[in-house]
């Protein structure tokens, strides 16, 4: 049994074969080339599910930035056009704060939904 020939052609190793005269323990200690490493399905699923969620997150953040910029421009325009009174400024500040809070809540909800959906997809 000293000169036992072991070839690794298992599908987990991408069909890579090692034909040299080595014992089983020597075969198991070989560092496989990158193309011959065991293929794990879990890693592929995680990578695929993280790509769409990150792109969706980027789109959501861009939309949030655009909405905040539009609100600030509108508020500045209203403040410049209307005679500035203390009550009007307070009302506009409250409106801006409410809009920003709503946008932040929407972003958090979208991120939570994306995380939940990606975690349920990777478990399946």
PDB file of N, CA and C in Angstrom:
ATOM      1  N   UNK A   1       0.812  -1.206   0.000  1.00  0.00           N
ATOM      2  CA  UNK A   1       0.000   0.000   0.000  1.00  0.00           C
ATOM      3  C   UNK A   1       0.853   1.266   0.000  1.00  0.00           C
ATOM      4  N   UNK A   2       2.159   1.133  -0.029  1.00  0.00           N
ATOM      5  CA  UNK A   2       3.019   2.307   0.071  1.00  0.00           C
ATOM      6  C   UNK A   2       2.915   3.186  -1.164  1.00  0.00           C
ATOM      7  N   UNK A   3       2.799   2.621  -2.358  1.00  0.00           N
ATOM      8  CA  UNK A   3       2.744   3.411  -3.574  1.00  0.00           C
ATOM      9  C   UNK A   3       1.331   3.620  -4.081  1.00  0.00           C
ATOM     10  N   UNK A   4       0.371   3.855  -3.182  1.00  0.00           N
ATOM     11  CA  UNK A   4      -1.036   3.998  -3.559  1.00  0.00           C
ATOM     12  C   UNK A   4      -1.232   5.238  -4.427  1.00  0.00           C
ATOM     13  N   UNK A   5      -1.922   5.077  -5.567  1.00  0.00           N
ATOM     14  CA  UNK A   5      -2.171   6.195  -6.473  1.00  0.00           C
ATOM     15  C   UNK A   5      -3.575   6.723  -6.200  1.00  0.00           C
ATOM     16  N   UNK A   6      -3.669   7.995  -5.922  1.00  0.00           N
ATOM     17  CA  UNK A   6      -4.962   8.617  -5.659  1.00  0.00           C
ATOM     18  C   UNK A   6      -5.138   9.755  -6.647  1.00  0.00           C
ATOM     19  N   UNK A   7      -6.188   9.701  -7.436  1.00  0.00           N
ATOM     20  CA  UNK A   7      -6.454  10.824  -8.330  1.00  0.00           C
ATOM     21  C   UNK A   7      -7.700  11.546  -7.835  1.00  0.00           C
ATOM     22  N   UNK A   8      -7.624  12.838  -7.841  1.00  0.00           N
ATOM     23  CA  UNK A   8      -8.737  13.651  -7.364  1.00  0.00           C
ATOM     24  C   UNK A   8      -9.472  14.166  -8.586  1.00  0.00           C
ATOM     25  N   UNK A   9     -10.569  13.505  -8.912  1.00  0.00           N
ATOM     26  CA  UNK A   9     -11.366  13.974 -10.044  1.00  0.00           C
ATOM     27  C   UNK A   9     -12.779  14.244  -9.584  1.00  0.00           C
ATOM     28  N   UNK A  10     -12.926  14.474  -8.305  1.00  0.00           N
ATOM     29  CA  UNK A  10     -14.243  14.742  -7.737  1.00  0.00           C
ATOM     30  C   UNK A  10     -14.783  16.052  -8.301  1.00  0.00           C
ATOM     31  N   UNK A  11     -16.104  16.144  -8.449  1.00  0.00           N
ATOM     32  CA  UNK A  11     -16.702  17.361  -9.006  1.00  0.00           C
ATOM     33  C   UNK A  11     -16.501  18.560  -8.083  1.00  0.00           C
ATOM     34  N   UNK A  12     -16.281  18.310  -6.797  1.00  0.00           N
ATOM     35  CA  UNK A  12     -16.037  19.427  -5.877  1.00  0.00           C
ATOM     36  C   UNK A  12     -14.750  20.157  -6.226  1.00  0.00           C
ATOM     37  N   UNK A  13     -13.812  19.481  -6.868  1.00  0.00           N
ATOM     38  CA  UNK A  13     -12.533  20.075  -7.215  1.00  0.00           C
ATOM     39  C   UNK A  13     -12.487  20.502  -8.663  1.00  0.00           C
ATOM     40  N   UNK A  14     -13.651  20.631  -9.299  1.00  0.00           N
ATOM     41  CA  UNK A  14     -13.696  21.107 -10.667  1.00  0.00           C
ATOM     42  C   UNK A  14     -13.101  20.113 -11.648  1.00  0.00           C
ATOM     43  N   UNK A  15     -13.072  18.826 -11.308  1.00  0.00           N
ATOM     44  CA  UNK A  15     -12.552  17.813 -12.209  1.00  0.00           C
ATOM     45  C   UNK A  15     -11.045  17.819 -12.318  1.00  0.00           C
ATOM     46  N   UNK A  16     -10.332  18.506 -11.427  1.00  0.00           N
ATOM     47  CA  UNK A  16      -8.872  18.547 -11.485  1.00  0.00           C
ATOM     48  C   UNK A  16      -8.328  17.180 -11.089  1.00  0.00           C
ATOM     49  N   UNK A  17      -7.337  16.717 -11.796  1.00  0.00           N
ATOM     50  CA  UNK A  17      -6.754  15.416 -11.503  1.00  0.00           C
ATOM     51  C   UNK A  17      -5.286  15.572 -11.154  1.00  0.00           C
ATOM     52  N   UNK A  18      -4.854  14.779 -10.180  1.00  0.00           N
ATOM     53  CA  UNK A  18      -3.465  14.771  -9.779  1.00  0.00           C
ATOM     54  C   UNK A  18      -2.984  13.333  -9.938  1.00  0.00           C
ATOM     55  N   UNK A  19      -2.156  13.080 -10.948  1.00  0.00           N
ATOM     56  CA  UNK A  19      -1.793  11.716 -11.317  1.00  0.00           C
ATOM     57  C   UNK A  19      -0.465  11.261 -10.718  1.00  0.00           C
ATOM     58  N   UNK A  20       0.173  12.099  -9.930  1.00  0.00           N
ATOM     59  CA  UNK A  20       1.503  11.736  -9.437  1.00  0.00           C
ATOM     60  C   UNK A  20       1.396  10.584  -8.438  1.00  0.00           C
ATOM     61  N   UNK A  21       2.526   9.915  -8.199  1.00  0.00           N
ATOM     62  CA  UNK A  21       2.568   8.764  -7.284  1.00  0.00           C
ATOM     63  C   UNK A  21       2.706   9.283  -5.853  1.00  0.00           C
ATOM     64  N   UNK A  22       1.576   9.511  -5.194  1.00  0.00           N
ATOM     65  CA  UNK A  22       1.607  10.000  -3.817  1.00  0.00           C
ATOM     66  C   UNK A  22       0.606   9.214  -2.985  1.00  0.00           C
ATOM     67  N   UNK A  23       0.832   9.199  -1.707  1.00  0.00           N
ATOM     68  CA  UNK A  23      -0.108   8.509  -0.823  1.00  0.00           C
ATOM     69  C   UNK A  23      -1.297   9.429  -0.560  1.00  0.00           C
ATOM     70  N   UNK A  24      -2.346   8.864   0.009  1.00  0.00           N
ATOM     71  CA  UNK A  24      -3.578   9.619   0.255  1.00  0.00           C
ATOM     72  C   UNK A  24      -3.314  10.814   1.179  1.00  0.00           C
ATOM     73  N   UNK A  25      -2.507  10.641   2.222  1.00  0.00           N
ATOM     74  CA  UNK A  25      -2.251  11.740   3.152  1.00  0.00           C
ATOM     75  C   UNK A  25      -1.474  12.854   2.459  1.00  0.00           C
ATOM     76  N   UNK A  26      -0.575  12.488   1.551  1.00  0.00           N
ATOM     77  CA  UNK A  26       0.146  13.522   0.806  1.00  0.00           C
ATOM     78  C   UNK A  26      -0.801  14.264  -0.131  1.00  0.00           C
ATOM     79  N   UNK A  27      -1.752  13.544  -0.724  1.00  0.00           N
ATOM     80  CA  UNK A  27      -2.723  14.194  -1.622  1.00  0.00           C
ATOM     81  C   UNK A  27      -3.563  15.216  -0.869  1.00  0.00           C
ATOM     82  N   UNK A  28      -3.974  14.860   0.339  1.00  0.00           N
ATOM     83  CA  UNK A  28      -4.849  15.756   1.088  1.00  0.00           C
ATOM     84  C   UNK A  28      -4.114  17.003   1.555  1.00  0.00           C
ATOM     85  N   UNK A  29      -2.789  16.929   1.662  1.00  0.00           N
ATOM     86  CA  UNK A  29      -2.038  18.093   2.121  1.00  0.00           C
ATOM     87  C   UNK A  29      -1.624  18.995   0.960  1.00  0.00           C
ATOM     88  N   UNK A  30      -1.958  18.607  -0.277  1.00  0.00           N
ATOM     89  CA  UNK A  30      -1.594  19.433  -1.433  1.00  0.00           C
ATOM     90  C   UNK A  30      -2.424  20.713  -1.410  1.00  0.00           C
ATOM     91  N   UNK A  31      -1.786  21.827  -1.732  1.00  0.00           N
ATOM     92  CA  UNK A  31      -2.527  23.084  -1.896  1.00  0.00           C
ATOM     93  C   UNK A  31      -3.018  23.113  -3.328  1.00  0.00           C
ATOM     94  N   UNK A  32      -4.319  23.025  -3.493  1.00  0.00           N
ATOM     95  CA  UNK A  32      -4.878  22.980  -4.833  1.00  0.00           C
ATOM     96  C   UNK A  32      -4.708  24.329  -5.516  1.00  0.00           C
ATOM     97  N   UNK A  33      -4.492  24.332  -6.818  1.00  0.00           N
ATOM     98  CA  UNK A  33      -4.503  25.599  -7.545  1.00  0.00           C
ATOM     99  C   UNK A  33      -5.872  26.257  -7.391  1.00  0.00           C
ATOM    100  N   UNK A  34      -5.929  27.520  -7.657  1.00  0.00           N
ATOM    101  CA  UNK A  34      -7.159  28.266  -7.435  1.00  0.00           C
ATOM    102  C   UNK A  34      -8.338  27.654  -8.191  1.00  0.00           C
ATOM    103  N   UNK A  35      -8.107  27.200  -9.409  1.00  0.00           N
ATOM    104  CA  UNK A  35      -9.196  26.646 -10.208  1.00  0.00           C
ATOM    105  C   UNK A  35      -9.628  25.279  -9.700  1.00  0.00           C
ATOM    106  N   UNK A  36      -8.830  24.647  -8.844  1.00  0.00           N
ATOM    107  CA  UNK A  36      -9.134  23.302  -8.364  1.00  0.00           C
ATOM    108  C   UNK A  36      -9.631  23.287  -6.933  1.00  0.00           C
ATOM    109  N   UNK A  37      -9.819  24.440  -6.320  1.00  0.00           N
ATOM    110  CA  UNK A  37     -10.281  24.454  -4.943  1.00  0.00           C
ATOM    111  C   UNK A  37     -11.733  23.983  -4.883  1.00  0.00           C
ATOM    112  N   UNK A  38     -12.138  23.419  -3.758  1.00  0.00           N
ATOM    113  CA  UNK A  38     -13.534  22.984  -3.633  1.00  0.00           C
ATOM    114  C   UNK A  38     -14.481  24.152  -3.857  1.00  0.00           C
ATOM    115  N   UNK A  39     -15.541  23.879  -4.596  1.00  0.00           N
ATOM    116  CA  UNK A  39     -16.506  24.932  -4.897  1.00  0.00           C
ATOM    117  C   UNK A  39     -17.627  24.865  -3.875  1.00  0.00           C
ATOM    118  N   UNK A  40     -17.819  25.928  -3.141  1.00  0.00           N
ATOM    119  CA  UNK A  40     -18.861  25.962  -2.127  1.00  0.00           C
ATOM    120  C   UNK A  40     -20.036  26.777  -2.648  1.00  0.00           C
ATOM    121  N   UNK A  41     -21.208  26.179  -2.656  1.00  0.00           N
ATOM    122  CA  UNK A  41     -22.391  26.844  -3.198  1.00  0.00           C
ATOM    123  C   UNK A  41     -22.835  28.010  -2.311  1.00  0.00           C
ATOM    124  N   UNK A  42     -22.609  27.918  -1.000  1.00  0.00           N
ATOM    125  CA  UNK A  42     -23.052  28.974  -0.101  1.00  0.00           C
ATOM    126  C   UNK A  42     -22.354  30.292  -0.403  1.00  0.00           C
ATOM    127  N   UNK A  43     -21.047  30.250  -0.705  1.00  0.00           N
ATOM    128  CA  UNK A  43     -20.317  31.483  -0.987  1.00  0.00           C
ATOM    129  C   UNK A  43     -20.852  32.138  -2.254  1.00  0.00           C
ATOM    130  N   UNK A  44     -21.150  31.335  -3.276  1.00  0.00           N
ATOM    131  CA  UNK A  44     -21.672  31.909  -4.514  1.00  0.00           C
ATOM    132  C   UNK A  44     -23.005  32.590  -4.273  1.00  0.00           C
ATOM    133  N   UNK A  45     -23.888  31.957  -3.504  1.00  0.00           N
ATOM    134  CA  UNK A  45     -25.202  32.549  -3.254  1.00  0.00           C
ATOM    135  C   UNK A  45     -25.065  33.867  -2.505  1.00  0.00           C
ATOM    136  N   UNK A  46     -24.168  33.909  -1.522  1.00  0.00           N
ATOM    137  CA  UNK A  46     -24.000  35.149  -0.762  1.00  0.00           C
ATOM    138  C   UNK A  46     -23.484  36.265  -1.656  1.00  0.00           C
ATOM    139  N   UNK A  47     -22.530  35.961  -2.532  1.00  0.00           N
ATOM    140  CA  UNK A  47     -21.997  36.986  -3.426  1.00  0.00           C
ATOM    141  C   UNK A  47     -23.080  37.492  -4.370  1.00  0.00           C
ATOM    142  N   UNK A  48     -23.865  36.583  -4.937  1.00  0.00           N
ATOM    143  CA  UNK A  48     -24.901  36.986  -5.883  1.00  0.00           C
ATOM    144  C   UNK A  48     -25.993  37.796  -5.202  1.00  0.00           C
ATOM    145  N   UNK A  49     -26.361  37.436  -3.973  1.00  0.00           N
ATOM    146  CA  UNK A  49     -27.435  38.153  -3.308  1.00  0.00           C
ATOM    147  C   UNK A  49     -26.959  39.507  -2.787  1.00  0.00           C
ATOM    148  N   UNK A  50     -25.656  39.654  -2.526  1.00  0.00           N
ATOM    149  CA  UNK A  50     -25.182  40.934  -2.012  1.00  0.00           C
ATOM    150  C   UNK A  50     -25.061  41.968  -3.124  1.00  0.00           C
ATOM    151  N   UNK A  51     -24.840  41.542  -4.344  1.00  0.00           N
ATOM    152  CA  UNK A  51     -24.696  42.503  -5.442  1.00  0.00           C
ATOM    153  C   UNK A  51     -25.987  43.275  -5.715  1.00  0.00           C
ATOM    154  N   UNK A  52     -27.148  42.596  -5.877  1.00  0.00           N
ATOM    155  CA  UNK A  52     -28.372  43.369  -6.116  1.00  0.00           C
ATOM    156  C   UNK A  52     -28.717  44.276  -4.948  1.00  0.00           C
ATOM    157  N   UNK A  53     -28.534  43.811  -3.708  1.00  0.00           N
ATOM    158  CA  UNK A  53     -28.905  44.632  -2.566  1.00  0.00           C
ATOM    159  C   UNK A  53     -28.025  45.878  -2.482  1.00  0.00           C
ATOM    160  N   UNK A  54     -26.744  45.744  -2.816  1.00  0.00           N
ATOM    161  CA  UNK A  54     -25.879  46.918  -2.765  1.00  0.00           C
ATOM    162  C   UNK A  54     -26.243  47.913  -3.860  1.00  0.00           C
ATOM    163  N   UNK A  55     -26.615  47.421  -5.046  1.00  0.00           N
ATOM    164  CA  UNK A  55     -27.007  48.342  -6.107  1.00  0.00           C
ATOM    165  C   UNK A  55     -28.335  49.029  -5.765  1.00  0.00           C
ATOM    166  N   UNK A  56     -29.259  48.282  -5.166  1.00  0.00           N
ATOM    167  CA  UNK A  56     -30.530  48.887  -4.743  1.00  0.00           C
ATOM    168  C   UNK A  56     -30.268  49.932  -3.668  1.00  0.00           C
ATOM    169  N   UNK A  57     -29.354  49.621  -2.761  1.00  0.00           N
ATOM    170  CA  UNK A  57     -29.031  50.568  -1.689  1.00  0.00           C
ATOM    171  C   UNK A  57     -28.440  51.852  -2.258  1.00  0.00           C
ATOM    172  N   UNK A  58     -27.591  51.731  -3.265  1.00  0.00           N
ATOM    173  CA  UNK A  58     -27.000  52.914  -3.900  1.00  0.00           C
ATOM    174  C   UNK A  58     -28.100  53.751  -4.563  1.00  0.00           C
ATOM    175  N   UNK A  59     -29.028  53.093  -5.262  1.00  0.00           N
ATOM    176  CA  UNK A  59     -30.130  53.823  -5.907  1.00  0.00           C
ATOM    177  C   UNK A  59     -30.970  54.548  -4.868  1.00  0.00           C
ATOM    178  N   UNK A  60     -31.276  53.872  -3.765  1.00  0.00           N
ATOM    179  CA  UNK A  60     -32.081  54.496  -2.705  1.00  0.00           C
ATOM    180  C   UNK A  60     -31.359  55.699  -2.123  1.00  0.00           C
ATOM    181  N   UNK A  61     -30.061  55.576  -1.894  1.00  0.00           N
ATOM    182  CA  UNK A  61     -29.311  56.705  -1.341  1.00  0.00           C
ATOM    183  C   UNK A  61     -29.273  57.887  -2.305  1.00  0.00           C
ATOM    184  N   UNK A  62     -29.131  57.605  -3.607  1.00  0.00           N
ATOM    185  CA  UNK A  62     -29.144  58.689  -4.596  1.00  0.00           C
ATOM    186  C   UNK A  62     -30.488  59.400  -4.593  1.00  0.00           C
ATOM    187  N   UNK A  63     -31.579  58.621  -4.528  1.00  0.00           N
ATOM    188  CA  UNK A  63     -32.918  59.222  -4.487  1.00  0.00           C
ATOM    189  C   UNK A  63     -33.087  60.074  -3.239  1.00  0.00           C
ATOM    190  N   UNK A  64     -32.593  59.582  -2.111  1.00  0.00           N
ATOM    191  CA  UNK A  64     -32.705  60.345  -0.862  1.00  0.00           C
ATOM    192  C   UNK A  64     -31.942  61.663  -0.970  1.00  0.00           C
ATOM    193  N   UNK A  65     -30.734  61.624  -1.515  1.00  0.00           N
ATOM    194  CA  UNK A  65     -29.954  62.855  -1.670  1.00  0.00           C
ATOM    195  C   UNK A  65     -30.677  63.838  -2.575  1.00  0.00           C
ATOM    196  N   UNK A  66     -31.248  63.355  -3.681  1.00  0.00           N
ATOM    197  CA  UNK A  66     -31.979  64.240  -4.598  1.00  0.00           C
ATOM    198  C   UNK A  66     -33.175  64.875  -3.895  1.00  0.00           C
ATOM    199  N   UNK A  67     -33.932  64.079  -3.126  1.00  0.00           N
ATOM    200  CA  UNK A  67     -35.110  64.610  -2.423  1.00  0.00           C
ATOM    201  C   UNK A  67     -34.693  65.672  -1.410  1.00  0.00           C
ATOM    202  N   UNK A  68     -33.632  65.416  -0.665  1.00  0.00           N
ATOM    203  CA  UNK A  68     -33.188  66.392   0.339  1.00  0.00           C
ATOM    204  C   UNK A  68     -32.740  67.687  -0.333  1.00  0.00           C
ATOM    205  N   UNK A  69     -32.007  67.575  -1.449  1.00  0.00           N
ATOM    206  CA  UNK A  69     -31.554  68.775  -2.160  1.00  0.00           C
ATOM    207  C   UNK A  69     -32.751  69.575  -2.669  1.00  0.00           C
ATOM    208  N   UNK A  70     -33.749  68.890  -3.242  1.00  0.00           N
ATOM    209  CA  UNK A  70     -34.941  69.585  -3.753  1.00  0.00           C
ATOM    210  C   UNK A  70     -35.662  70.299  -2.623  1.00  0.00           C
ATOM    211  N   UNK A  71     -35.818  69.631  -1.481  1.00  0.00           N
ATOM    212  CA  UNK A  71     -36.512  70.257  -0.343  1.00  0.00           C
ATOM    213  C   UNK A  71     -35.754  71.486   0.136  1.00  0.00           C
ATOM    214  N   UNK A  72     -34.447  71.385   0.225  1.00  0.00           N
ATOM    215  CA  UNK A  72     -33.656  72.540   0.685  1.00  0.00           C
ATOM    216  C   UNK A  72     -33.771  73.696  -0.302  1.00  0.00           C
ATOM    217  N   UNK A  73     -33.708  73.408  -1.610  1.00  0.00           N
ATOM    218  CA  UNK A  73     -33.828  74.472  -2.620  1.00  0.00           C
ATOM    219  C   UNK A  73     -35.191  75.141  -2.535  1.00  0.00           C
ATOM    220  N   UNK A  74     -36.245  74.330  -2.372  1.00  0.00           N
ATOM    221  CA  UNK A  74     -37.600  74.910  -2.281  1.00  0.00           C
ATOM    222  C   UNK A  74     -37.729  75.771  -1.038  1.00  0.00           C
ATOM    223  N   UNK A  75     -37.206  75.311   0.080  1.00  0.00           N
ATOM    224  CA  UNK A  75     -37.298  76.081   1.323  1.00  0.00           C
ATOM    225  C   UNK A  75     -36.533  77.396   1.193  1.00  0.00           C
ATOM    226  N   UNK A  76     -35.343  77.345   0.608  1.00  0.00           N
ATOM    227  CA  UNK A  76     -34.560  78.573   0.433  1.00  0.00           C
ATOM    228  C   UNK A  76     -35.289  79.538  -0.486  1.00  0.00           C
ATOM    229  N   UNK A  77     -35.890  79.029  -1.558  1.00  0.00           N
ATOM    230  CA  UNK A  77     -36.634  79.890  -2.485  1.00  0.00           C
ATOM    231  C   UNK A  77     -37.823  80.538  -1.787  1.00  0.00           C
ATOM    232  N   UNK A  78     -38.543  79.761  -0.980  1.00  0.00           N
ATOM    233  CA  UNK A  78     -39.713  80.322  -0.271  1.00  0.00           C
ATOM    234  C   UNK A  78     -39.256  81.387   0.724  1.00  0.00           C
ATOM    235  N   UNK A  79     -38.169  81.119   1.435  1.00  0.00           N
ATOM    236  CA  UNK A  79     -37.690  82.080   2.427  1.00  0.00           C
ATOM    237  C   UNK A  79     -37.256  83.376   1.750  1.00  0.00           C
ATOM    238  N   UNK A  80     -36.631  83.267   0.555  1.00  0.00           N
ATOM    239  CA  UNK A  80     -36.182  84.474  -0.134  1.00  0.00           C
ATOM    240  C   UNK A  80     -37.356  85.272  -0.715  1.00  0.00           C
ATOM    241  N   UNK A  81     -38.378  84.574  -1.218  1.00  0.00           N
ATOM    242  CA  UNK A  81     -39.504  85.262  -1.870  1.00  0.00           C
ATOM    243  C   UNK A  81     -40.418  85.904  -0.839  1.00  0.00           C
ATOM    244  N   UNK A  82     -40.791  85.134   0.177  1.00  0.00           N
ATOM    245  CA  UNK A  82     -41.735  85.635   1.182  1.00  0.00           C
ATOM    246  C   UNK A  82     -40.972  86.499   2.183  1.00  0.00           C
ATOM    247  N   UNK A  83     -41.675  87.500   2.699  1.00  0.00           N
ATOM    248  CA  UNK A  83     -41.066  88.331   3.730  1.00  0.00           C
ATOM    249  C   UNK A  83     -40.753  87.445   4.931  1.00  0.00           C
ATOM    250  N   UNK A  84     -39.495  87.495   5.364  1.00  0.00           N
ATOM    251  CA  UNK A  84     -39.055  86.590   6.423  1.00  0.00           C
ATOM    252  C   UNK A  84     -39.642  87.043   7.748  1.00  0.00           C
ATOM    253  N   UNK A  85     -40.466  86.139   8.289  1.00  0.00           N
ATOM    254  CA  UNK A  85     -41.007  86.372   9.619  1.00  0.00           C
ATOM    255  C   UNK A  85     -40.605  85.191  10.501  1.00  0.00           C
ATOM    256  N   UNK A  86     -40.578  85.405  11.767  1.00  0.00           N
ATOM    257  CA  UNK A  86     -40.130  84.359  12.693  1.00  0.00           C
ATOM    258  C   UNK A  86     -41.022  83.121  12.612  1.00  0.00           C
ATOM    259  N   UNK A  87     -42.333  83.333  12.507  1.00  0.00           N
ATOM    260  CA  UNK A  87     -43.273  82.212  12.473  1.00  0.00           C
ATOM    261  C   UNK A  87     -43.067  81.399  11.195  1.00  0.00           C
ATOM    262  N   UNK A  88     -42.874  82.068  10.061  1.00  0.00           N
ATOM    263  CA  UNK A  88     -42.677  81.380   8.786  1.00  0.00           C
ATOM    264  C   UNK A  88     -41.398  80.545   8.807  1.00  0.00           C
ATOM    265  N   UNK A  89     -40.344  81.104   9.369  1.00  0.00           N
ATOM    266  CA  UNK A  89     -39.076  80.376   9.435  1.00  0.00           C
ATOM    267  C   UNK A  89     -39.230  79.130  10.311  1.00  0.00           C
ATOM    268  N   UNK A  90     -39.921  79.264  11.434  1.00  0.00           N
ATOM    269  CA  UNK A  90     -40.134  78.111  12.317  1.00  0.00           C
ATOM    270  C   UNK A  90     -40.941  77.033  11.595  1.00  0.00           C
ATOM    271  N   UNK A  91     -41.991  77.434  10.865  1.00  0.00           N
ATOM    272  CA  UNK A  91     -42.813  76.465  10.128  1.00  0.00           C
ATOM    273  C   UNK A  91     -41.970  75.753   9.067  1.00  0.00           C
ATOM    274  N   UNK A  92     -41.155  76.499   8.338  1.00  0.00           N
ATOM    275  CA  UNK A  92     -40.318  75.888   7.303  1.00  0.00           C
ATOM    276  C   UNK A  92     -39.294  74.923   7.907  1.00  0.00           C
ATOM    277  N   UNK A  93     -38.711  75.292   9.038  1.00  0.00           N
ATOM    278  CA  UNK A  93     -37.758  74.398   9.703  1.00  0.00           C
ATOM    279  C   UNK A  93     -38.446  73.111  10.135  1.00  0.00           C
ATOM    280  N   UNK A  94     -39.647  73.219  10.677  1.00  0.00           N
ATOM    281  CA  UNK A  94     -40.400  72.030  11.084  1.00  0.00           C
ATOM    282  C   UNK A  94     -40.697  71.153   9.874  1.00  0.00           C
ATOM    283  N   UNK A  95     -41.094  71.764   8.749  1.00  0.00           N
ATOM    284  CA  UNK A  95     -41.375  71.001   7.536  1.00  0.00           C
ATOM    285  C   UNK A  95     -40.123  70.263   7.066  1.00  0.00           C
ATOM    286  N   UNK A  96     -39.002  70.951   7.047  1.00  0.00           N
ATOM    287  CA  UNK A  96     -37.752  70.320   6.605  1.00  0.00           C
ATOM    288  C   UNK A  96     -37.380  69.157   7.524  1.00  0.00           C
ATOM    289  N   UNK A  97     -37.507  69.361   8.837  1.00  0.00           N
ATOM    290  CA  UNK A  97     -37.179  68.286   9.784  1.00  0.00           C
ATOM    291  C   UNK A  97     -38.092  67.083   9.576  1.00  0.00           C
ATOM    292  N   UNK A  98     -39.381  67.315   9.382  1.00  0.00           N
ATOM    293  CA  UNK A  98     -40.327  66.219   9.165  1.00  0.00           C
ATOM    294  C   UNK A  98     -39.980  65.463   7.889  1.00  0.00           C
ATOM    295  N   UNK A  99     -39.676  66.189   6.799  1.00  0.00           N
ATOM    296  CA  UNK A  99     -39.336  65.533   5.535  1.00  0.00           C
ATOM    297  C   UNK A  99     -38.066  64.693   5.691  1.00  0.00           C
ATOM    298  N   UNK A 100     -37.059  65.237   6.361  1.00  0.00           N
ATOM    299  CA  UNK A 100     -35.813  64.486   6.555  1.00  0.00           C
ATOM    300  C   UNK A 100     -36.056  63.237   7.391  1.00  0.00           C
ATOM    301  N   UNK A 101     -36.866  63.350   8.447  1.00  0.00           N
ATOM    302  CA  UNK A 101     -37.169  62.183   9.293  1.00  0.00           C
ATOM    303  C   UNK A 101     -37.906  61.123   8.483  1.00  0.00           C
ATOM    304  N   UNK A 102     -38.869  61.534   7.661  1.00  0.00           N
ATOM    305  CA  UNK A 102     -39.617  60.575   6.838  1.00  0.00           C
ATOM    306  C   UNK A 102     -38.678  59.872   5.855  1.00  0.00           C
ATOM    307  N   UNK A 103     -37.793  60.629   5.234  1.00  0.00           N
ATOM    308  CA  UNK A 103     -36.847  60.030   4.270  1.00  0.00           C
ATOM    309  C   UNK A 103     -35.938  59.031   4.975  1.00  0.00           C
ATOM    310  N   UNK A 104     -35.441  59.376   6.157  1.00  0.00           N
ATOM    311  CA  UNK A 104     -34.565  58.461   6.901  1.00  0.00           C
ATOM    312  C   UNK A 104     -35.323  57.187   7.275  1.00  0.00           C
ATOM    313  N   UNK A 105     -36.565  57.316   7.713  1.00  0.00           N
ATOM    314  CA  UNK A 105     -37.366  56.141   8.072  1.00  0.00           C
ATOM    315  C   UNK A 105     -37.583  55.250   6.852  1.00  0.00           C
ATOM    316  N   UNK A 106     -37.872  55.853   5.695  1.00  0.00           N
ATOM    317  CA  UNK A 106     -38.069  55.071   4.471  1.00  0.00           C
ATOM    318  C   UNK A 106     -36.781  54.323   4.108  1.00  0.00           C
ATOM    319  N   UNK A 107     -35.640  54.989   4.206  1.00  0.00           N
ATOM    320  CA  UNK A 107     -34.365  54.337   3.885  1.00  0.00           C
ATOM    321  C   UNK A 107     -34.113  53.167   4.829  1.00  0.00           C
ATOM    322  N   UNK A 108     -34.355  53.357   6.121  1.00  0.00           N
ATOM    323  CA  UNK A 108     -34.139  52.283   7.093  1.00  0.00           C
ATOM    324  C   UNK A 108     -35.050  51.098   6.787  1.00  0.00           C
ATOM    325  N   UNK A 109     -36.318  51.362   6.475  1.00  0.00           N
ATOM    326  CA  UNK A 109     -37.256  50.282   6.155  1.00  0.00           C
ATOM    327  C   UNK A 109     -36.798  49.534   4.910  1.00  0.00           C
ATOM    328  N   UNK A 110     -36.374  50.256   3.876  1.00  0.00           N
ATOM    329  CA  UNK A 110     -35.916  49.610   2.642  1.00  0.00           C
ATOM    330  C   UNK A 110     -34.683  48.757   2.922  1.00  0.00           C
ATOM    331  N   UNK A 111     -33.746  49.271   3.702  1.00  0.00           N
ATOM    332  CA  UNK A 111     -32.535  48.506   4.017  1.00  0.00           C
ATOM    333  C   UNK A 111     -32.893  47.249   4.806  1.00  0.00           C
ATOM    334  N   UNK A 112     -33.804  47.350   5.765  1.00  0.00           N
ATOM    335  CA  UNK A 112     -34.209  46.183   6.556  1.00  0.00           C
ATOM    336  C   UNK A 112     -34.874  45.148   5.655  1.00  0.00           C
ATOM    337  N   UNK A 113     -35.739  45.593   4.739  1.00  0.00           N
ATOM    338  CA  UNK A 113     -36.401  44.654   3.819  1.00  0.00           C
ATOM    339  C   UNK A 113     -35.375  43.969   2.927  1.00  0.00           C
ATOM    340  N   UNK A 114     -34.376  44.723   2.442  1.00  0.00           N
ATOM    341  CA  UNK A 114     -33.333  44.133   1.592  1.00  0.00           C
ATOM    342  C   UNK A 114     -32.529  43.110   2.377  1.00  0.00           C
ATOM    343  N   UNK A 115     -32.169  43.427   3.612  1.00  0.00           N
ATOM    344  CA  UNK A 115     -31.378  42.496   4.426  1.00  0.00           C
ATOM    345  C   UNK A 115     -32.182  41.235   4.709  1.00  0.00           C
ATOM    346  N   UNK A 116     -33.458  41.386   5.032  1.00  0.00           N
ATOM    347  CA  UNK A 116     -34.296  40.216   5.323  1.00  0.00           C
ATOM    348  C   UNK A 116     -34.451  39.356   4.073  1.00  0.00           C
ATOM    349  N   UNK A 117     -34.697  39.990   2.929  1.00  0.00           N
ATOM    350  CA  UNK A 117     -34.893  39.208   1.703  1.00  0.00           C
ATOM    351  C   UNK A 117     -33.603  38.527   1.277  1.00  0.00           C
ATOM    352  N   UNK A 118     -32.457  39.199   1.436  1.00  0.00           N
ATOM    353  CA  UNK A 118     -31.192  38.570   1.039  1.00  0.00           C
ATOM    354  C   UNK A 118     -30.834  37.434   1.996  1.00  0.00           C
ATOM    355  N   UNK A 119     -31.155  37.572   3.272  1.00  0.00           N
ATOM    356  CA  UNK A 119     -30.841  36.485   4.209  1.00  0.00           C
ATOM    357  C   UNK A 119     -31.762  35.293   3.967  1.00  0.00           C
ATOM    358  N   UNK A 120     -33.010  35.537   3.605  1.00  0.00           N
ATOM    359  CA  UNK A 120     -33.910  34.417   3.320  1.00  0.00           C
ATOM    360  C   UNK A 120     -33.530  33.746   2.003  1.00  0.00           C
ATOM    361  N   UNK A 121     -33.036  34.506   1.029  1.00  0.00           N
ATOM    362  CA  UNK A 121     -32.590  33.915  -0.237  1.00  0.00           C
ATOM    363  C   UNK A 121     -31.358  33.056  -0.038  1.00  0.00           C
ATOM    364  N   UNK A 122     -30.425  33.495   0.786  1.00  0.00           N
ATOM    365  CA  UNK A 122     -29.191  32.735   0.979  1.00  0.00           C
ATOM    366  C   UNK A 122     -29.453  31.478   1.788  1.00  0.00           C
ATOM    367  N   UNK A 123     -30.466  31.479   2.652  1.00  0.00           N
ATOM    368  CA  UNK A 123     -30.768  30.273   3.425  1.00  0.00           C
ATOM    369  C   UNK A 123     -31.455  29.232   2.550  1.00  0.00           C
ATOM    370  N   UNK A 124     -32.155  29.678   1.523  1.00  0.00           N
ATOM    371  CA  UNK A 124     -32.790  28.721   0.605  1.00  0.00           C
ATOM    372  C   UNK A 124     -31.732  28.187  -0.308  1.00  0.00           C
TER     373      UNK A 124
END
